[in-house]
């Protein structure tokens, strides 16, 4: 996957910790792709995306864990909620359009 359809450039150096097809994805940037401890900027975090069946489609939940309250506050200040909200809206538009999967 890439933004221009040609070249893929990762947005962060991170690791998947768990992937359960169609149910759960857990990743962290506190460990890099070489499985070495990392001190990523601007905020180290671990994210868990949980997807469950729901009568109206899919229940999609995102849990993000931070090192401490200051890291969480910094992430929020940088627009974390708006960014993930945008991602969620884009995903919903993709799967809810005619011909999309639900």
N, C-alpha and C. Protein backbone atom coordinates (compact mmCIF):
# COMPACT_ATOMS: atom_id res chain seq x y z
N UNK A 1 0.84 -1.18 0.00
CA UNK A 1 0.00 0.00 0.00
C UNK A 1 0.88 1.24 0.00
N UNK A 2 0.49 2.22 -0.76
CA UNK A 2 1.26 3.45 -0.79
C UNK A 2 0.33 4.62 -1.10
N UNK A 3 0.81 5.80 -0.80
CA UNK A 3 0.00 6.98 -1.06
C UNK A 3 -0.05 7.31 -2.55
N UNK A 4 1.01 7.00 -3.28
CA UNK A 4 1.04 7.33 -4.70
C UNK A 4 0.84 6.11 -5.60
N UNK A 5 0.62 4.94 -5.01
CA UNK A 5 0.41 3.73 -5.78
C UNK A 5 1.68 3.11 -6.33
N UNK A 6 2.82 3.72 -6.04
CA UNK A 6 4.09 3.23 -6.58
C UNK A 6 5.07 2.88 -5.47
N UNK A 7 5.42 3.88 -4.67
CA UNK A 7 6.46 3.69 -3.66
C UNK A 7 5.87 3.70 -2.26
N UNK A 8 6.23 2.69 -1.46
CA UNK A 8 5.77 2.63 -0.08
C UNK A 8 6.83 3.22 0.83
N UNK A 9 6.43 4.19 1.65
CA UNK A 9 7.32 4.78 2.64
C UNK A 9 6.62 4.67 3.99
N UNK A 10 7.16 3.87 4.91
CA UNK A 10 6.50 3.72 6.21
C UNK A 10 6.39 5.05 6.95
N UNK A 11 5.29 5.21 7.65
CA UNK A 11 5.07 6.42 8.44
C UNK A 11 5.70 6.30 9.82
N UNK A 12 5.97 5.08 10.24
CA UNK A 12 6.63 4.87 11.51
C UNK A 12 7.33 3.51 11.50
N UNK A 13 8.33 3.38 12.33
CA UNK A 13 9.06 2.13 12.47
C UNK A 13 8.51 1.46 13.71
N UNK A 14 7.70 0.43 13.53
CA UNK A 14 6.97 -0.18 14.64
C UNK A 14 6.86 -1.68 14.45
N UNK A 15 6.23 -2.34 15.40
CA UNK A 15 6.03 -3.79 15.35
C UNK A 15 4.58 -4.14 15.60
N UNK A 16 4.12 -5.15 14.87
CA UNK A 16 2.84 -5.76 15.19
C UNK A 16 3.10 -6.74 16.32
N UNK A 17 2.31 -6.67 17.35
CA UNK A 17 2.44 -7.56 18.49
C UNK A 17 1.45 -8.72 18.41
N UNK A 18 0.30 -8.46 17.81
CA UNK A 18 -0.72 -9.50 17.63
C UNK A 18 -1.58 -9.12 16.44
N UNK A 19 -1.91 -10.12 15.63
CA UNK A 19 -2.83 -9.93 14.52
C UNK A 19 -3.75 -11.14 14.50
N UNK A 20 -5.02 -10.89 14.73
CA UNK A 20 -6.03 -11.93 14.68
C UNK A 20 -6.98 -11.53 13.56
N UNK A 21 -6.88 -12.20 12.42
CA UNK A 21 -7.59 -11.82 11.20
C UNK A 21 -9.05 -11.47 11.45
N UNK A 22 -9.42 -10.26 11.04
CA UNK A 22 -10.79 -9.80 11.16
C UNK A 22 -11.26 -9.51 12.57
N UNK A 23 -10.37 -9.60 13.57
CA UNK A 23 -10.80 -9.40 14.95
C UNK A 23 -9.97 -8.39 15.72
N UNK A 24 -8.65 -8.45 15.58
CA UNK A 24 -7.81 -7.64 16.46
C UNK A 24 -6.43 -7.42 15.83
N UNK A 25 -5.92 -6.20 15.99
CA UNK A 25 -4.57 -5.83 15.58
C UNK A 25 -3.96 -5.05 16.74
N UNK A 26 -2.76 -5.44 17.15
CA UNK A 26 -2.06 -4.72 18.22
C UNK A 26 -0.68 -4.35 17.67
N UNK A 27 -0.33 -3.07 17.79
CA UNK A 27 1.00 -2.65 17.34
C UNK A 27 1.57 -1.63 18.31
N UNK A 28 2.90 -1.49 18.26
CA UNK A 28 3.58 -0.52 19.11
C UNK A 28 4.71 0.14 18.35
N UNK A 29 5.00 1.38 18.70
CA UNK A 29 6.19 2.05 18.18
C UNK A 29 7.28 2.11 19.25
N UNK A 30 7.02 1.46 20.41
CA UNK A 30 8.02 1.41 21.48
C UNK A 30 9.05 0.31 21.22
N UNK A 31 8.81 -0.50 20.19
CA UNK A 31 9.75 -1.50 19.71
C UNK A 31 9.84 -1.28 18.20
N UNK A 32 11.05 -1.23 17.66
CA UNK A 32 11.18 -0.96 16.23
C UNK A 32 11.06 -2.25 15.41
N UNK A 33 11.14 -2.13 14.10
CA UNK A 33 10.95 -3.27 13.21
C UNK A 33 12.06 -4.31 13.32
N UNK A 34 13.12 -3.99 14.02
CA UNK A 34 14.19 -4.97 14.27
C UNK A 34 14.04 -5.59 15.65
N UNK A 35 12.89 -5.35 16.30
CA UNK A 35 12.58 -5.86 17.63
C UNK A 35 13.54 -5.31 18.69
N UNK A 36 13.93 -4.06 18.52
CA UNK A 36 14.79 -3.37 19.48
C UNK A 36 13.97 -2.30 20.19
N UNK A 37 14.24 -2.07 21.48
CA UNK A 37 13.53 -0.98 22.17
C UNK A 37 13.74 0.34 21.43
N UNK A 38 12.70 1.13 21.41
CA UNK A 38 12.75 2.40 20.68
C UNK A 38 12.26 3.53 21.57
N UNK A 39 12.68 4.72 21.24
CA UNK A 39 12.20 5.93 21.91
C UNK A 39 11.65 6.85 20.82
N UNK A 40 10.50 6.49 20.25
CA UNK A 40 9.98 7.22 19.09
C UNK A 40 9.49 8.61 19.44
N UNK A 41 9.63 9.49 18.49
CA UNK A 41 9.09 10.83 18.61
C UNK A 41 7.81 10.90 17.80
N UNK A 42 6.81 11.57 18.18
CA UNK A 42 6.79 12.40 19.35
C UNK A 42 6.32 11.67 20.61
N UNK A 43 5.66 10.49 20.45
CA UNK A 43 5.08 9.81 21.60
C UNK A 43 5.16 8.30 21.42
N UNK A 44 5.74 7.58 22.39
CA UNK A 44 5.66 6.12 22.34
C UNK A 44 4.26 5.67 22.74
N UNK A 45 3.76 4.64 22.06
CA UNK A 45 2.41 4.16 22.37
C UNK A 45 2.24 2.73 21.87
N UNK A 46 1.23 2.08 22.40
CA UNK A 46 0.79 0.78 21.92
C UNK A 46 -0.69 0.92 21.61
N UNK A 47 -1.10 0.48 20.42
CA UNK A 47 -2.49 0.60 20.01
C UNK A 47 -3.09 -0.78 19.77
N UNK A 48 -4.34 -0.92 20.15
CA UNK A 48 -5.09 -2.16 19.94
C UNK A 48 -6.39 -1.80 19.22
N UNK A 49 -6.58 -2.38 18.05
CA UNK A 49 -7.81 -2.19 17.28
C UNK A 49 -8.61 -3.48 17.40
N UNK A 50 -9.84 -3.35 17.88
CA UNK A 50 -10.70 -4.52 18.10
C UNK A 50 -11.93 -4.37 17.23
N UNK A 51 -12.24 -5.42 16.47
CA UNK A 51 -13.40 -5.42 15.58
C UNK A 51 -14.30 -6.60 15.95
N UNK A 52 -15.57 -6.32 16.15
CA UNK A 52 -16.54 -7.35 16.52
C UNK A 52 -17.80 -7.18 15.67
N UNK A 53 -18.50 -8.27 15.45
CA UNK A 53 -19.79 -8.20 14.77
C UNK A 53 -20.75 -7.36 15.58
N UNK A 54 -21.58 -6.62 14.87
CA UNK A 54 -22.59 -5.77 15.50
C UNK A 54 -23.82 -5.82 14.60
N UNK A 55 -25.02 -5.73 15.15
CA UNK A 55 -26.22 -5.79 14.32
C UNK A 55 -26.23 -4.77 13.18
N UNK A 56 -25.58 -3.63 13.37
CA UNK A 56 -25.55 -2.59 12.33
C UNK A 56 -24.31 -2.67 11.46
N UNK A 57 -23.45 -3.67 11.63
CA UNK A 57 -22.22 -3.80 10.83
C UNK A 57 -21.07 -4.30 11.65
N UNK A 58 -20.17 -3.40 12.04
CA UNK A 58 -18.99 -3.77 12.81
C UNK A 58 -18.78 -2.80 13.95
N UNK A 59 -18.51 -3.34 15.12
CA UNK A 59 -18.12 -2.54 16.28
C UNK A 59 -16.60 -2.41 16.19
N UNK A 60 -16.10 -1.19 16.05
CA UNK A 60 -14.68 -0.91 15.85
C UNK A 60 -14.21 -0.10 17.04
N UNK A 61 -13.28 -0.65 17.79
CA UNK A 61 -12.77 0.05 18.98
C UNK A 61 -11.26 0.19 18.88
N UNK A 62 -10.78 1.30 19.36
CA UNK A 62 -9.35 1.58 19.38
C UNK A 62 -8.96 1.92 20.81
N UNK A 63 -8.00 1.19 21.34
CA UNK A 63 -7.46 1.47 22.66
C UNK A 63 -5.99 1.81 22.47
N UNK A 64 -5.57 2.94 23.02
CA UNK A 64 -4.16 3.34 22.91
C UNK A 64 -3.61 3.50 24.32
N UNK A 65 -2.46 2.88 24.52
CA UNK A 65 -1.81 2.93 25.83
C UNK A 65 -0.53 3.76 25.71
N UNK A 66 -0.35 4.64 26.69
CA UNK A 66 0.82 5.52 26.72
C UNK A 66 1.66 5.23 27.95
N UNK A 67 2.90 5.67 27.91
CA UNK A 67 3.82 5.47 29.02
C UNK A 67 3.33 6.13 30.31
N UNK A 68 2.78 7.33 30.17
CA UNK A 68 2.37 8.09 31.35
C UNK A 68 1.34 9.14 30.93
N UNK A 69 0.69 9.80 31.89
CA UNK A 69 -0.31 10.82 31.55
C UNK A 69 0.26 11.96 30.69
N UNK A 70 1.50 12.32 30.88
CA UNK A 70 2.10 13.40 30.08
C UNK A 70 2.19 12.99 28.61
N UNK A 71 2.55 11.74 28.34
CA UNK A 71 2.61 11.26 26.95
C UNK A 71 1.23 11.25 26.32
N UNK A 72 0.24 10.83 27.09
CA UNK A 72 -1.13 10.83 26.58
C UNK A 72 -1.58 12.25 26.25
N UNK A 73 -1.29 13.19 27.14
CA UNK A 73 -1.66 14.58 26.92
C UNK A 73 -0.96 15.14 25.69
N UNK A 74 0.30 14.81 25.52
CA UNK A 74 1.06 15.27 24.34
C UNK A 74 0.45 14.71 23.06
N UNK A 75 0.08 13.44 23.06
CA UNK A 75 -0.53 12.81 21.90
C UNK A 75 -1.86 13.49 21.56
N UNK A 76 -2.64 13.77 22.59
CA UNK A 76 -3.92 14.46 22.38
C UNK A 76 -3.68 15.86 21.81
N UNK A 77 -2.68 16.56 22.35
CA UNK A 77 -2.34 17.91 21.88
C UNK A 77 -1.94 17.89 20.40
N UNK A 78 -1.29 16.84 19.97
CA UNK A 78 -0.84 16.72 18.58
C UNK A 78 -1.96 16.35 17.61
N UNK A 79 -3.17 16.11 18.12
CA UNK A 79 -4.30 15.82 17.24
C UNK A 79 -4.65 14.36 17.11
N UNK A 80 -4.23 13.55 18.07
CA UNK A 80 -4.49 12.12 18.01
C UNK A 80 -5.96 11.80 17.76
N UNK A 81 -6.85 12.39 18.54
CA UNK A 81 -8.27 12.06 18.42
C UNK A 81 -8.81 12.46 17.05
N UNK A 82 -8.45 13.64 16.57
CA UNK A 82 -8.91 14.07 15.25
C UNK A 82 -8.36 13.14 14.16
N UNK A 83 -7.10 12.76 14.30
CA UNK A 83 -6.49 11.88 13.30
C UNK A 83 -7.17 10.53 13.22
N UNK A 84 -7.35 9.89 14.37
CA UNK A 84 -8.01 8.57 14.37
C UNK A 84 -9.47 8.70 14.01
N UNK A 85 -10.11 9.80 14.37
CA UNK A 85 -11.50 10.02 13.96
C UNK A 85 -11.61 10.10 12.45
N UNK A 86 -10.66 10.77 11.81
CA UNK A 86 -10.63 10.85 10.35
C UNK A 86 -10.45 9.47 9.74
N UNK A 87 -9.53 8.68 10.29
CA UNK A 87 -9.29 7.32 9.79
C UNK A 87 -10.58 6.51 9.89
N UNK A 88 -11.26 6.60 11.02
CA UNK A 88 -12.50 5.84 11.23
C UNK A 88 -13.57 6.27 10.23
N UNK A 89 -13.72 7.57 9.99
CA UNK A 89 -14.70 8.06 9.03
C UNK A 89 -14.36 7.58 7.61
N UNK A 90 -13.08 7.59 7.24
CA UNK A 90 -12.68 7.13 5.92
C UNK A 90 -12.97 5.64 5.76
N UNK A 91 -12.68 4.86 6.79
CA UNK A 91 -12.96 3.43 6.75
C UNK A 91 -14.46 3.19 6.60
N UNK A 92 -15.27 3.91 7.35
CA UNK A 92 -16.72 3.75 7.26
C UNK A 92 -17.22 4.08 5.85
N UNK A 93 -16.74 5.16 5.26
CA UNK A 93 -17.16 5.52 3.90
C UNK A 93 -16.77 4.43 2.91
N UNK A 94 -15.60 3.85 3.08
CA UNK A 94 -15.13 2.81 2.17
C UNK A 94 -16.03 1.58 2.23
N UNK A 95 -16.35 1.12 3.42
CA UNK A 95 -17.10 -0.13 3.53
C UNK A 95 -18.61 0.06 3.39
N UNK A 96 -19.09 1.28 3.58
CA UNK A 96 -20.53 1.52 3.49
C UNK A 96 -20.98 1.95 2.09
N UNK A 97 -20.04 2.20 1.20
CA UNK A 97 -20.43 2.61 -0.16
C UNK A 97 -21.02 1.41 -0.90
N UNK A 98 -21.85 1.66 -1.90
CA UNK A 98 -22.40 0.54 -2.68
C UNK A 98 -21.28 -0.33 -3.25
N UNK A 99 -21.40 -1.60 -3.06
CA UNK A 99 -20.38 -2.52 -3.54
C UNK A 99 -19.27 -2.78 -2.55
N UNK A 100 -19.23 -2.01 -1.44
CA UNK A 100 -18.22 -2.21 -0.40
C UNK A 100 -18.60 -3.40 0.45
N UNK A 101 -17.65 -3.95 1.16
CA UNK A 101 -17.96 -5.07 2.05
C UNK A 101 -18.43 -4.54 3.39
N UNK A 102 -19.22 -5.30 4.07
CA UNK A 102 -19.73 -4.86 5.36
C UNK A 102 -19.55 -5.94 6.38
